[in-house]
């Protein structure tokens, strides 16, 4: 299972990295990853006009795109990615310049934040 990670590099800028979460066969229930300790869950709805300038992730957290429009995320090195329903982002850029994010499909979006610390 692929997860997009945002992290702060030694240059103080945020960058993307693709992570592969290993899944193991678990019989009739499918394949599972190892448990990842989490501290909470936050549901969020953002409007169709969502446009947030440079900001840091407030904590390490998974952001699971549940439904609605896609979001375009730009990191400090100028790279952009578009994430939509079913995509998972691991936000770890808690220092440095951070990232920008904006709605691109003129639709509200529902996300689940799973806090890690």
PDB file of N, CA and C in Angstrom:
ATOM      1  N   UNK A   1       0.850  -1.169   0.000  1.00  0.00           N
ATOM      2  CA  UNK A   1       0.000   0.000   0.000  1.00  0.00           C
ATOM      3  C   UNK A   1       0.894   1.229   0.000  1.00  0.00           C
ATOM      4  N   UNK A   2       0.627   2.162  -0.896  1.00  0.00           N
ATOM      5  CA  UNK A   2       1.451   3.359  -1.033  1.00  0.00           C
ATOM      6  C   UNK A   2       0.900   4.507  -0.198  1.00  0.00           C
ATOM      7  N   UNK A   3       1.809   5.200   0.481  1.00  0.00           N
ATOM      8  CA  UNK A   3       1.502   6.392   1.264  1.00  0.00           C
ATOM      9  C   UNK A   3       2.448   7.489   0.797  1.00  0.00           C
ATOM     10  N   UNK A   4       1.923   8.689   0.600  1.00  0.00           N
ATOM     11  CA  UNK A   4       2.747   9.843   0.255  1.00  0.00           C
ATOM     12  C   UNK A   4       3.179  10.518   1.546  1.00  0.00           C
ATOM     13  N   UNK A   5       4.464  10.716   1.699  1.00  0.00           N
ATOM     14  CA  UNK A   5       5.008  11.359   2.907  1.00  0.00           C
ATOM     15  C   UNK A   5       5.517  12.749   2.555  1.00  0.00           C
ATOM     16  N   UNK A   6       5.253  13.716   3.449  1.00  0.00           N
ATOM     17  CA  UNK A   6       5.866  15.041   3.382  1.00  0.00           C
ATOM     18  C   UNK A   6       6.768  15.156   4.606  1.00  0.00           C
ATOM     19  N   UNK A   7       8.016  15.534   4.378  1.00  0.00           N
ATOM     20  CA  UNK A   7       8.959  15.679   5.480  1.00  0.00           C
ATOM     21  C   UNK A   7       9.831  16.907   5.231  1.00  0.00           C
ATOM     22  N   UNK A   8      10.464  17.382   6.291  1.00  0.00           N
ATOM     23  CA  UNK A   8      11.385  18.501   6.178  1.00  0.00           C
ATOM     24  C   UNK A   8      12.798  17.956   6.039  1.00  0.00           C
ATOM     25  N   UNK A   9      13.488  18.366   4.975  1.00  0.00           N
ATOM     26  CA  UNK A   9      14.857  17.931   4.735  1.00  0.00           C
ATOM     27  C   UNK A   9      15.855  18.799   5.476  1.00  0.00           C
ATOM     28  N   UNK A  10      17.128  18.430   5.399  1.00  0.00           N
ATOM     29  CA  UNK A  10      18.183  19.213   6.047  1.00  0.00           C
ATOM     30  C   UNK A  10      18.263  20.648   5.528  1.00  0.00           C
ATOM     31  N   UNK A  11      17.699  20.886   4.334  1.00  0.00           N
ATOM     32  CA  UNK A  11      17.692  22.232   3.750  1.00  0.00           C
ATOM     33  C   UNK A  11      16.587  23.121   4.312  1.00  0.00           C
ATOM     34  N   UNK A  12      15.761  22.582   5.239  1.00  0.00           N
ATOM     35  CA  UNK A  12      14.664  23.349   5.820  1.00  0.00           C
ATOM     36  C   UNK A  12      13.433  23.401   4.943  1.00  0.00           C
ATOM     37  N   UNK A  13      13.477  22.769   3.781  1.00  0.00           N
ATOM     38  CA  UNK A  13      12.339  22.728   2.853  1.00  0.00           C
ATOM     39  C   UNK A  13      11.628  21.378   2.975  1.00  0.00           C
ATOM     40  N   UNK A  14      10.355  21.390   2.651  1.00  0.00           N
ATOM     41  CA  UNK A  14       9.593  20.147   2.656  1.00  0.00           C
ATOM     42  C   UNK A  14       9.763  19.428   1.322  1.00  0.00           C
ATOM     43  N   UNK A  15       9.635  18.115   1.373  1.00  0.00           N
ATOM     44  CA  UNK A  15       9.812  17.252   0.205  1.00  0.00           C
ATOM     45  C   UNK A  15       8.803  16.117   0.272  1.00  0.00           C
ATOM     46  N   UNK A  16       8.504  15.528  -0.895  1.00  0.00           N
ATOM     47  CA  UNK A  16       7.670  14.328  -0.966  1.00  0.00           C
ATOM     48  C   UNK A  16       8.555  13.096  -0.965  1.00  0.00           C
ATOM     49  N   UNK A  17       7.993  12.016  -0.455  1.00  0.00           N
ATOM     50  CA  UNK A  17       8.602  10.695  -0.535  1.00  0.00           C
ATOM     51  C   UNK A  17       7.472   9.675  -0.614  1.00  0.00           C
ATOM     52  N   UNK A  18       7.626   8.664  -1.443  1.00  0.00           N
ATOM     53  CA  UNK A  18       6.644   7.581  -1.519  1.00  0.00           C
ATOM     54  C   UNK A  18       7.075   6.473  -0.571  1.00  0.00           C
ATOM     55  N   UNK A  19       6.168   6.092   0.311  1.00  0.00           N
ATOM     56  CA  UNK A  19       6.417   4.989   1.235  1.00  0.00           C
ATOM     57  C   UNK A  19       5.560   3.805   0.836  1.00  0.00           C
ATOM     58  N   UNK A  20       6.081   2.639   1.000  1.00  0.00           N
ATOM     59  CA  UNK A  20       5.314   1.418   0.752  1.00  0.00           C
ATOM     60  C   UNK A  20       5.069   0.760   2.106  1.00  0.00           C
ATOM     61  N   UNK A  21       3.811   0.658   2.498  1.00  0.00           N
ATOM     62  CA  UNK A  21       3.436   0.005   3.748  1.00  0.00           C
ATOM     63  C   UNK A  21       3.307  -1.483   3.450  1.00  0.00           C
ATOM     64  N   UNK A  22       4.097  -2.283   4.133  1.00  0.00           N
ATOM     65  CA  UNK A  22       4.085  -3.730   3.894  1.00  0.00           C
ATOM     66  C   UNK A  22       2.807  -4.352   4.448  1.00  0.00           C
ATOM     67  N   UNK A  23       2.181  -5.165   3.625  1.00  0.00           N
ATOM     68  CA  UNK A  23       0.983  -5.900   4.034  1.00  0.00           C
ATOM     69  C   UNK A  23       1.308  -7.387   4.058  1.00  0.00           C
ATOM     70  N   UNK A  24       0.739  -8.071   5.035  1.00  0.00           N
ATOM     71  CA  UNK A  24       0.930  -9.517   5.145  1.00  0.00           C
ATOM     72  C   UNK A  24      -0.419 -10.213   5.035  1.00  0.00           C
ATOM     73  N   UNK A  25      -0.411 -11.325   4.344  1.00  0.00           N
ATOM     74  CA  UNK A  25      -1.632 -12.121   4.165  1.00  0.00           C
ATOM     75  C   UNK A  25      -2.169 -12.525   5.535  1.00  0.00           C
ATOM     76  N   UNK A  26      -3.476 -12.310   5.735  1.00  0.00           N
ATOM     77  CA  UNK A  26      -4.119 -12.620   7.016  1.00  0.00           C
ATOM     78  C   UNK A  26      -5.316 -13.546   6.826  1.00  0.00           C
ATOM     79  N   UNK A  27      -5.304 -14.343   5.771  1.00  0.00           N
ATOM     80  CA  UNK A  27      -6.379 -15.304   5.550  1.00  0.00           C
ATOM     81  C   UNK A  27      -7.617 -14.671   4.955  1.00  0.00           C
ATOM     82  N   UNK A  28      -8.758 -15.117   5.424  1.00  0.00           N
ATOM     83  CA  UNK A  28     -10.041 -14.711   4.848  1.00  0.00           C
ATOM     84  C   UNK A  28     -10.314 -13.208   4.974  1.00  0.00           C
ATOM     85  N   UNK A  29      -9.661 -12.554   5.920  1.00  0.00           N
ATOM     86  CA  UNK A  29      -9.934 -11.118   6.094  1.00  0.00           C
ATOM     87  C   UNK A  29      -9.083 -10.240   5.192  1.00  0.00           C
ATOM     88  N   UNK A  30      -8.159 -10.834   4.447  1.00  0.00           N
ATOM     89  CA  UNK A  30      -7.340 -10.056   3.516  1.00  0.00           C
ATOM     90  C   UNK A  30      -5.912  -9.901   4.006  1.00  0.00           C
ATOM     91  N   UNK A  31      -5.303  -8.779   3.680  1.00  0.00           N
ATOM     92  CA  UNK A  31      -3.921  -8.488   4.062  1.00  0.00           C
ATOM     93  C   UNK A  31      -3.901  -7.306   5.020  1.00  0.00           C
ATOM     94  N   UNK A  32      -3.008  -7.375   6.000  1.00  0.00           N
ATOM     95  CA  UNK A  32      -2.923  -6.340   7.032  1.00  0.00           C
ATOM     96  C   UNK A  32      -1.499  -5.838   7.186  1.00  0.00           C
ATOM     97  N   UNK A  33      -1.355  -4.587   7.597  1.00  0.00           N
ATOM     98  CA  UNK A  33      -0.047  -4.053   7.985  1.00  0.00           C
ATOM     99  C   UNK A  33       0.143  -4.328   9.470  1.00  0.00           C
ATOM    100  N   UNK A  34       1.358  -4.031   9.938  1.00  0.00           N
ATOM    101  CA  UNK A  34       1.591  -4.019  11.379  1.00  0.00           C
ATOM    102  C   UNK A  34       0.828  -2.836  11.971  1.00  0.00           C
ATOM    103  N   UNK A  35       0.491  -2.914  13.243  1.00  0.00           N
ATOM    104  CA  UNK A  35      -0.199  -1.803  13.905  1.00  0.00           C
ATOM    105  C   UNK A  35       0.741  -0.600  14.030  1.00  0.00           C
ATOM    106  N   UNK A  36       0.205   0.588  13.788  1.00  0.00           N
ATOM    107  CA  UNK A  36       0.937   1.844  13.948  1.00  0.00           C
ATOM    108  C   UNK A  36       0.286   2.582  15.113  1.00  0.00           C
ATOM    109  N   UNK A  37       1.023   2.806  16.199  1.00  0.00           N
ATOM    110  CA  UNK A  37       0.421   3.487  17.349  1.00  0.00           C
ATOM    111  C   UNK A  37      -0.079   4.881  16.963  1.00  0.00           C
ATOM    112  N   UNK A  38      -1.276   5.215  17.390  1.00  0.00           N
ATOM    113  CA  UNK A  38      -1.888   6.509  17.099  1.00  0.00           C
ATOM    114  C   UNK A  38      -2.445   7.093  18.391  1.00  0.00           C
ATOM    115  N   UNK A  39      -2.638   8.416  18.404  1.00  0.00           N
ATOM    116  CA  UNK A  39      -3.111   9.084  19.612  1.00  0.00           C
ATOM    117  C   UNK A  39      -4.510   9.669  19.483  1.00  0.00           C
ATOM    118  N   UNK A  40      -5.042   9.769  18.278  1.00  0.00           N
ATOM    119  CA  UNK A  40      -6.367  10.350  18.127  1.00  0.00           C
ATOM    120  C   UNK A  40      -6.834  10.344  16.686  1.00  0.00           C
ATOM    121  N   UNK A  41      -8.077  10.734  16.512  1.00  0.00           N
ATOM    122  CA  UNK A  41      -8.670  10.830  15.170  1.00  0.00           C
ATOM    123  C   UNK A  41      -9.464  12.129  15.095  1.00  0.00           C
ATOM    124  N   UNK A  42      -9.296  12.838  13.980  1.00  0.00           N
ATOM    125  CA  UNK A  42      -9.991  14.105  13.762  1.00  0.00           C
ATOM    126  C   UNK A  42     -10.625  14.048  12.379  1.00  0.00           C
ATOM    127  N   UNK A  43     -11.904  14.321  12.288  1.00  0.00           N
ATOM    128  CA  UNK A  43     -12.587  14.409  10.992  1.00  0.00           C
ATOM    129  C   UNK A  43     -12.628  15.877  10.591  1.00  0.00           C
ATOM    130  N   UNK A  44     -12.424  16.139   9.290  1.00  0.00           N
ATOM    131  CA  UNK A  44     -12.440  17.516   8.817  1.00  0.00           C
ATOM    132  C   UNK A  44     -13.146  17.607   7.480  1.00  0.00           C
ATOM    133  N   UNK A  45     -13.913  18.679   7.319  1.00  0.00           N
ATOM    134  CA  UNK A  45     -14.507  19.002   6.029  1.00  0.00           C
ATOM    135  C   UNK A  45     -13.960  20.358   5.614  1.00  0.00           C
ATOM    136  N   UNK A  46     -13.453  20.442   4.387  1.00  0.00           N
ATOM    137  CA  UNK A  46     -12.970  21.713   3.854  1.00  0.00           C
ATOM    138  C   UNK A  46     -13.845  22.109   2.681  1.00  0.00           C
ATOM    139  N   UNK A  47     -14.018  23.396   2.512  1.00  0.00           N
ATOM    140  CA  UNK A  47     -14.874  23.907   1.453  1.00  0.00           C
ATOM    141  C   UNK A  47     -14.241  23.807   0.072  1.00  0.00           C
ATOM    142  N   UNK A  48     -15.048  24.047  -0.921  1.00  0.00           N
ATOM    143  CA  UNK A  48     -14.610  23.983  -2.315  1.00  0.00           C
ATOM    144  C   UNK A  48     -13.597  25.072  -2.651  1.00  0.00           C
ATOM    145  N   UNK A  49     -13.554  26.121  -1.830  1.00  0.00           N
ATOM    146  CA  UNK A  49     -12.636  27.237  -2.075  1.00  0.00           C
ATOM    147  C   UNK A  49     -11.392  27.172  -1.181  1.00  0.00           C
ATOM    148  N   UNK A  50     -11.133  26.029  -0.588  1.00  0.00           N
ATOM    149  CA  UNK A  50      -9.989  25.841   0.321  1.00  0.00           C
ATOM    150  C   UNK A  50      -8.680  26.217  -0.367  1.00  0.00           C
ATOM    151  N   UNK A  51      -7.909  27.103   0.273  1.00  0.00           N
ATOM    152  CA  UNK A  51      -6.618  27.540  -0.259  1.00  0.00           C
ATOM    153  C   UNK A  51      -5.786  28.029   0.922  1.00  0.00           C
ATOM    154  N   UNK A  52      -4.890  27.187   1.408  1.00  0.00           N
ATOM    155  CA  UNK A  52      -4.104  27.508   2.593  1.00  0.00           C
ATOM    156  C   UNK A  52      -2.651  27.709   2.200  1.00  0.00           C
ATOM    157  N   UNK A  53      -2.141  28.910   2.470  1.00  0.00           N
ATOM    158  CA  UNK A  53      -0.763  29.254   2.116  1.00  0.00           C
ATOM    159  C   UNK A  53       0.207  28.431   2.975  1.00  0.00           C
ATOM    160  N   UNK A  54       1.488  28.705   2.882  1.00  0.00           N
ATOM    161  CA  UNK A  54       2.532  27.915   3.548  1.00  0.00           C
ATOM    162  C   UNK A  54       2.212  27.702   5.020  1.00  0.00           C
ATOM    163  N   UNK A  55       2.284  26.445   5.444  1.00  0.00           N
ATOM    164  CA  UNK A  55       2.016  26.070   6.830  1.00  0.00           C
ATOM    165  C   UNK A  55       2.693  24.736   7.122  1.00  0.00           C
ATOM    166  N   UNK A  56       2.939  24.504   8.379  1.00  0.00           N
ATOM    167  CA  UNK A  56       3.500  23.224   8.815  1.00  0.00           C
ATOM    168  C   UNK A  56       2.386  22.310   9.289  1.00  0.00           C
ATOM    169  N   UNK A  57       2.654  21.022   9.240  1.00  0.00           N
ATOM    170  CA  UNK A  57       1.758  20.070   9.901  1.00  0.00           C
ATOM    171  C   UNK A  57       1.856  20.357  11.404  1.00  0.00           C
ATOM    172  N   UNK A  58       0.723  20.403  12.127  1.00  0.00           N
ATOM    173  CA  UNK A  58       0.767  20.727  13.553  1.00  0.00           C
ATOM    174  C   UNK A  58       1.359  19.605  14.405  1.00  0.00           C
ATOM    175  N   UNK A  59       1.434  18.411  13.827  1.00  0.00           N
ATOM    176  CA  UNK A  59       1.957  17.224  14.493  1.00  0.00           C
ATOM    177  C   UNK A  59       2.164  16.169  13.424  1.00  0.00           C
ATOM    178  N   UNK A  60       2.846  15.088  13.740  1.00  0.00           N
ATOM    179  CA  UNK A  60       2.920  13.960  12.810  1.00  0.00           C
ATOM    180  C   UNK A  60       1.516  13.364  12.719  1.00  0.00           C
ATOM    181  N   UNK A  61       1.045  13.165  11.483  1.00  0.00           N
ATOM    182  CA  UNK A  61      -0.307  12.641  11.328  1.00  0.00           C
ATOM    183  C   UNK A  61      -0.501  12.072   9.934  1.00  0.00           C
ATOM    184  N   UNK A  62      -1.333  11.035   9.887  1.00  0.00           N
ATOM    185  CA  UNK A  62      -1.821  10.543   8.608  1.00  0.00           C
ATOM    186  C   UNK A  62      -3.032  11.380   8.239  1.00  0.00           C
ATOM    187  N   UNK A  63      -3.159  11.725   6.967  1.00  0.00           N
ATOM    188  CA  UNK A  63      -4.353  12.392   6.455  1.00  0.00           C
ATOM    189  C   UNK A  63      -4.931  11.456   5.394  1.00  0.00           C
ATOM    190  N   UNK A  64      -6.124  10.946   5.657  1.00  0.00           N
ATOM    191  CA  UNK A  64      -6.791  10.019   4.755  1.00  0.00           C
ATOM    192  C   UNK A  64      -7.889  10.781   4.024  1.00  0.00           C
ATOM    193  N   UNK A  65      -7.788  10.847   2.705  1.00  0.00           N
ATOM    194  CA  UNK A  65      -8.795  11.539   1.907  1.00  0.00           C
ATOM    195  C   UNK A  65      -9.995  10.593   1.753  1.00  0.00           C
ATOM    196  N   UNK A  66     -11.130  10.975   2.326  1.00  0.00           N
ATOM    197  CA  UNK A  66     -12.296  10.100   2.328  1.00  0.00           C
ATOM    198  C   UNK A  66     -13.222  10.323   1.142  1.00  0.00           C
ATOM    199  N   UNK A  67     -13.590  11.573   0.894  1.00  0.00           N
ATOM    200  CA  UNK A  67     -14.540  11.835  -0.188  1.00  0.00           C
ATOM    201  C   UNK A  67     -14.420  13.282  -0.639  1.00  0.00           C
ATOM    202  N   UNK A  68     -15.015  13.563  -1.784  1.00  0.00           N
ATOM    203  CA  UNK A  68     -15.048  14.923  -2.305  1.00  0.00           C
ATOM    204  C   UNK A  68     -13.950  15.201  -3.300  1.00  0.00           C
ATOM    205  N   UNK A  69     -13.643  16.479  -3.446  1.00  0.00           N
ATOM    206  CA  UNK A  69     -12.672  16.927  -4.433  1.00  0.00           C
ATOM    207  C   UNK A  69     -11.233  16.640  -4.033  1.00  0.00           C
ATOM    208  N   UNK A  70     -10.350  16.802  -5.002  1.00  0.00           N
ATOM    209  CA  UNK A  70      -8.923  16.582  -4.770  1.00  0.00           C
ATOM    210  C   UNK A  70      -8.281  17.838  -4.186  1.00  0.00           C
ATOM    211  N   UNK A  71      -7.132  17.631  -3.558  1.00  0.00           N
ATOM    212  CA  UNK A  71      -6.333  18.718  -3.021  1.00  0.00           C
ATOM    213  C   UNK A  71      -4.980  18.689  -3.724  1.00  0.00           C
ATOM    214  N   UNK A  72      -4.484  19.862  -4.080  1.00  0.00           N
ATOM    215  CA  UNK A  72      -3.130  19.967  -4.624  1.00  0.00           C
ATOM    216  C   UNK A  72      -2.221  20.441  -3.501  1.00  0.00           C
ATOM    217  N   UNK A  73      -1.160  19.685  -3.271  1.00  0.00           N
ATOM    218  CA  UNK A  73      -0.197  20.008  -2.218  1.00  0.00           C
ATOM    219  C   UNK A  73       1.125  20.377  -2.889  1.00  0.00           C
ATOM    220  N   UNK A  74       1.695  21.509  -2.493  1.00  0.00           N
ATOM    221  CA  UNK A  74       2.997  21.935  -2.991  1.00  0.00           C
ATOM    222  C   UNK A  74       3.985  21.922  -1.842  1.00  0.00           C
ATOM    223  N   UNK A  75       5.149  21.322  -2.050  1.00  0.00           N
ATOM    224  CA  UNK A  75       6.190  21.309  -1.024  1.00  0.00           C
ATOM    225  C   UNK A  75       7.256  22.338  -1.361  1.00  0.00           C
ATOM    226  N   UNK A  76       8.168  22.549  -0.423  1.00  0.00           N
ATOM    227  CA  UNK A  76       9.162  23.605  -0.519  1.00  0.00           C
ATOM    228  C   UNK A  76      10.090  23.526  -1.705  1.00  0.00           C
ATOM    229  N   UNK A  77      10.289  22.325  -2.260  1.00  0.00           N
ATOM    230  CA  UNK A  77      11.174  22.223  -3.425  1.00  0.00           C
ATOM    231  C   UNK A  77      10.446  22.506  -4.733  1.00  0.00           C
ATOM    232  N   UNK A  78       9.152  22.925  -4.650  1.00  0.00           N
ATOM    233  CA  UNK A  78       8.380  23.301  -5.829  1.00  0.00           C
ATOM    234  C   UNK A  78       7.558  22.187  -6.445  1.00  0.00           C
ATOM    235  N   UNK A  79       7.706  20.967  -5.956  1.00  0.00           N
ATOM    236  CA  UNK A  79       6.954  19.822  -6.478  1.00  0.00           C
ATOM    237  C   UNK A  79       5.511  19.879  -5.985  1.00  0.00           C
ATOM    238  N   UNK A  80       4.568  19.521  -6.851  1.00  0.00           N
ATOM    239  CA  UNK A  80       3.163  19.441  -6.461  1.00  0.00           C
ATOM    240  C   UNK A  80       2.633  18.039  -6.718  1.00  0.00           C
ATOM    241  N   UNK A  81       1.664  17.647  -5.919  1.00  0.00           N
ATOM    242  CA  UNK A  81       0.932  16.392  -6.122  1.00  0.00           C
ATOM    243  C   UNK A  81      -0.533  16.647  -5.832  1.00  0.00           C
ATOM    244  N   UNK A  82      -1.373  15.905  -6.536  1.00  0.00           N
ATOM    245  CA  UNK A  82      -2.816  15.974  -6.293  1.00  0.00           C
ATOM    246  C   UNK A  82      -3.262  14.681  -5.627  1.00  0.00           C
ATOM    247  N   UNK A  83      -3.998  14.842  -4.527  1.00  0.00           N
ATOM    248  CA  UNK A  83      -4.478  13.714  -3.751  1.00  0.00           C
ATOM    249  C   UNK A  83      -5.993  13.761  -3.707  1.00  0.00           C
ATOM    250  N   UNK A  84      -6.616  12.592  -3.803  1.00  0.00           N
ATOM    251  CA  UNK A  84      -8.070  12.518  -3.776  1.00  0.00           C
ATOM    252  C   UNK A  84      -8.546  11.348  -2.951  1.00  0.00           C
ATOM    253  N   UNK A  85      -9.832  11.062  -3.020  1.00  0.00           N
ATOM    254  CA  UNK A  85     -10.406   9.991  -2.216  1.00  0.00           C
ATOM    255  C   UNK A  85      -9.621   8.690  -2.349  1.00  0.00           C
ATOM    256  N   UNK A  86      -9.303   8.103  -1.190  1.00  0.00           N
ATOM    257  CA  UNK A  86      -8.539   6.866  -1.144  1.00  0.00           C
ATOM    258  C   UNK A  86      -7.055   7.081  -0.950  1.00  0.00           C
ATOM    259  N   UNK A  87      -6.559   8.302  -1.148  1.00  0.00           N
ATOM    260  CA  UNK A  87      -5.136   8.577  -0.955  1.00  0.00           C
ATOM    261  C   UNK A  87      -4.838   8.818   0.519  1.00  0.00           C
ATOM    262  N   UNK A  88      -3.594   8.484   0.910  1.00  0.00           N
ATOM    263  CA  UNK A  88      -3.145   8.667   2.285  1.00  0.00           C
ATOM    264  C   UNK A  88      -1.858   9.479   2.260  1.00  0.00           C
ATOM    265  N   UNK A  89      -1.822  10.514   3.097  1.00  0.00           N
ATOM    266  CA  UNK A  89      -0.658  11.383   3.237  1.00  0.00           C
ATOM    267  C   UNK A  89      -0.128  11.237   4.650  1.00  0.00           C
ATOM    268  N   UNK A  90       1.181  11.070   4.797  1.00  0.00           N
ATOM    269  CA  UNK A  90       1.827  11.119   6.104  1.00  0.00           C
ATOM    270  C   UNK A  90       2.506  12.480   6.207  1.00  0.00           C
ATOM    271  N   UNK A  91       1.931  13.370   7.013  1.00  0.00           N
ATOM    272  CA  UNK A  91       2.450  14.730   7.154  1.00  0.00           C
ATOM    273  C   UNK A  91       3.420  14.765   8.321  1.00  0.00           C
ATOM    274  N   UNK A  92       4.700  15.030   8.010  1.00  0.00           N
ATOM    275  CA  UNK A  92       5.734  15.091   9.041  1.00  0.00           C
ATOM    276  C   UNK A  92       6.580  16.359   8.919  1.00  0.00           C
ATOM    277  N   UNK A  93       6.117  17.327   8.161  1.00  0.00           N
ATOM    278  CA  UNK A  93       6.869  18.585   7.996  1.00  0.00           C
ATOM    279  C   UNK A  93       6.477  19.578   9.087  1.00  0.00           C
ATOM    280  N   UNK A  94       6.829  19.240  10.317  1.00  0.00           N
ATOM    281  CA  UNK A  94       6.450  20.055  11.471  1.00  0.00           C
ATOM    282  C   UNK A  94       7.402  21.230  11.705  1.00  0.00           C
ATOM    283  N   UNK A  95       8.480  21.285  10.942  1.00  0.00           N
ATOM    284  CA  UNK A  95       9.439  22.392  11.029  1.00  0.00           C
ATOM    285  C   UNK A  95       9.709  22.897   9.613  1.00  0.00           C
ATOM    286  N   UNK A  96      10.491  23.965   9.503  1.00  0.00           N
ATOM    287  CA  UNK A  96      10.822  24.512   8.188  1.00  0.00           C
ATOM    288  C   UNK A  96       9.668  25.319   7.613  1.00  0.00           C
ATOM    289  N   UNK A  97       9.684  25.499   6.294  1.00  0.00           N
ATOM    290  CA  UNK A  97       8.667  26.316   5.621  1.00  0.00           C
ATOM    291  C   UNK A  97       7.316  25.628   5.536  1.00  0.00           C
ATOM    292  N   UNK A  98       7.300  24.311   5.497  1.00  0.00           N
ATOM    293  CA  UNK A  98       6.030  23.603   5.406  1.00  0.00           C
ATOM    294  C   UNK A  98       5.580  23.401   3.970  1.00  0.00           C
ATOM    295  N   UNK A  99       4.271  23.388   3.772  1.00  0.00           N
ATOM    296  CA  UNK A  99       3.673  23.110   2.466  1.00  0.00           C
ATOM    297  C   UNK A  99       2.447  23.990   2.274  1.00  0.00           C
ATOM    298  N   UNK A 100       1.967  24.056   1.021  1.00  0.00           N
ATOM    299  CA  UNK A 100       0.715  24.755   0.695  1.00  0.00           C
ATOM    300  C   UNK A 100      -0.286  23.719   0.217  1.00  0.00           C
ATOM    301  N   UNK A 101      -1.558  24.015   0.401  1.00  0.00           N
ATOM    302  CA  UNK A 101      -2.588  23.102  -0.101  1.00  0.00           C
ATOM    303  C   UNK A 101      -3.804  23.901  -0.553  1.00  0.00           C
ATOM    304  N   UNK A 102      -4.434  23.394  -1.640  1.00  0.00           N
ATOM    305  CA  UNK A 102      -5.615  24.083  -2.168  1.00  0.00           C
ATOM    306  C   UNK A 102      -6.523  23.094  -2.871  1.00  0.00           C
ATOM    307  N   UNK A 103      -7.806  23.362  -2.815  1.00  0.00           N
ATOM    308  CA  UNK A 103      -8.800  22.553  -3.529  1.00  0.00           C
ATOM    309  C   UNK A 103      -8.652  22.795  -5.024  1.00  0.00           C
ATOM    310  N   UNK A 104      -8.822  21.743  -5.824  1.00  0.00           N
ATOM    311  CA  UNK A 104      -8.689  21.913  -7.274  1.00  0.00           C
ATOM    312  C   UNK A 104      -9.946  21.507  -8.044  1.00  0.00           C
ATOM    313  N   UNK A 105     -10.898  20.863  -7.411  1.00  0.00           N
ATOM    314  CA  UNK A 105     -12.080  20.375  -8.127  1.00  0.00           C
ATOM    315  C   UNK A 105     -13.363  21.131  -7.811  1.00  0.00           C
ATOM    316  N   UNK A 106     -13.252  22.232  -7.064  1.00  0.00           N
ATOM    317  CA  UNK A 106     -14.424  23.031  -6.688  1.00  0.00           C
ATOM    318  C   UNK A 106     -15.487  22.188  -6.004  1.00  0.00           C
ATOM    319  N   UNK A 107     -15.033  21.262  -5.152  1.00  0.00           N
ATOM    320  CA  UNK A 107     -15.918  20.416  -4.343  1.00  0.00           C
ATOM    321  C   UNK A 107     -15.418  20.414  -2.912  1.00  0.00           C
ATOM    322  N   UNK A 108     -16.322  20.347  -1.932  1.00  0.00           N
ATOM    323  CA  UNK A 108     -15.873  20.151  -0.547  1.00  0.00           C
ATOM    324  C   UNK A 108     -15.152  18.804  -0.437  1.00  0.00           C
ATOM    325  N   UNK A 109     -14.323  18.675   0.584  1.00  0.00           N
ATOM    326  CA  UNK A 109     -13.568  17.439   0.789  1.00  0.00           C
ATOM    327  C   UNK A 109     -13.702  17.010   2.242  1.00  0.00           C
ATOM    328  N   UNK A 110     -13.837  15.713   2.471  1.00  0.00           N
ATOM    329  CA  UNK A 110     -13.869  15.148   3.818  1.00  0.00           C
ATOM    330  C   UNK A 110     -12.597  14.329   4.013  1.00  0.00           C
ATOM    331  N   UNK A 111     -11.901  14.607   5.117  1.00  0.00           N
ATOM    332  CA  UNK A 111     -10.635  13.925   5.432  1.00  0.00           C
ATOM    333  C   UNK A 111     -10.664  13.419   6.869  1.00  0.00           C
ATOM    334  N   UNK A 112      -9.848  12.416   7.111  1.00  0.00           N
ATOM    335  CA  UNK A 112      -9.650  11.867   8.457  1.00  0.00           C
ATOM    336  C   UNK A 112      -8.187  12.051   8.815  1.00  0.00           C
ATOM    337  N   UNK A 113      -7.928  12.726   9.922  1.00  0.00           N
ATOM    338  CA  UNK A 113      -6.577  12.903  10.433  1.00  0.00           C
ATOM    339  C   UNK A 113      -6.368  11.883  11.550  1.00  0.00           C
ATOM    340  N   UNK A 114      -5.311  11.102  11.460  1.00  0.00           N
ATOM    341  CA  UNK A 114      -4.962  10.145  12.504  1.00  0.00           C
ATOM    342  C   UNK A 114      -3.669  10.640  13.122  1.00  0.00           C
ATOM    343  N   UNK A 115      -3.760  11.154  14.336  1.00  0.00           N
ATOM    344  CA  UNK A 115      -2.608  11.778  14.973  1.00  0.00           C
ATOM    345  C   UNK A 115      -1.658  10.722  15.529  1.00  0.00           C
ATOM    346  N   UNK A 116      -0.355  10.989  15.374  1.00  0.00           N
ATOM    347  CA  UNK A 116       0.658  10.006  15.750  1.00  0.00           C
ATOM    348  C   UNK A 116       1.481  10.411  16.967  1.00  0.00           C
ATOM    349  N   UNK A 117       1.422  11.668  17.400  1.00  0.00           N
ATOM    350  CA  UNK A 117       2.099  12.055  18.632  1.00  0.00           C
ATOM    351  C   UNK A 117       1.473  13.292  19.217  1.00  0.00           C
TER     352      UNK A 117
END
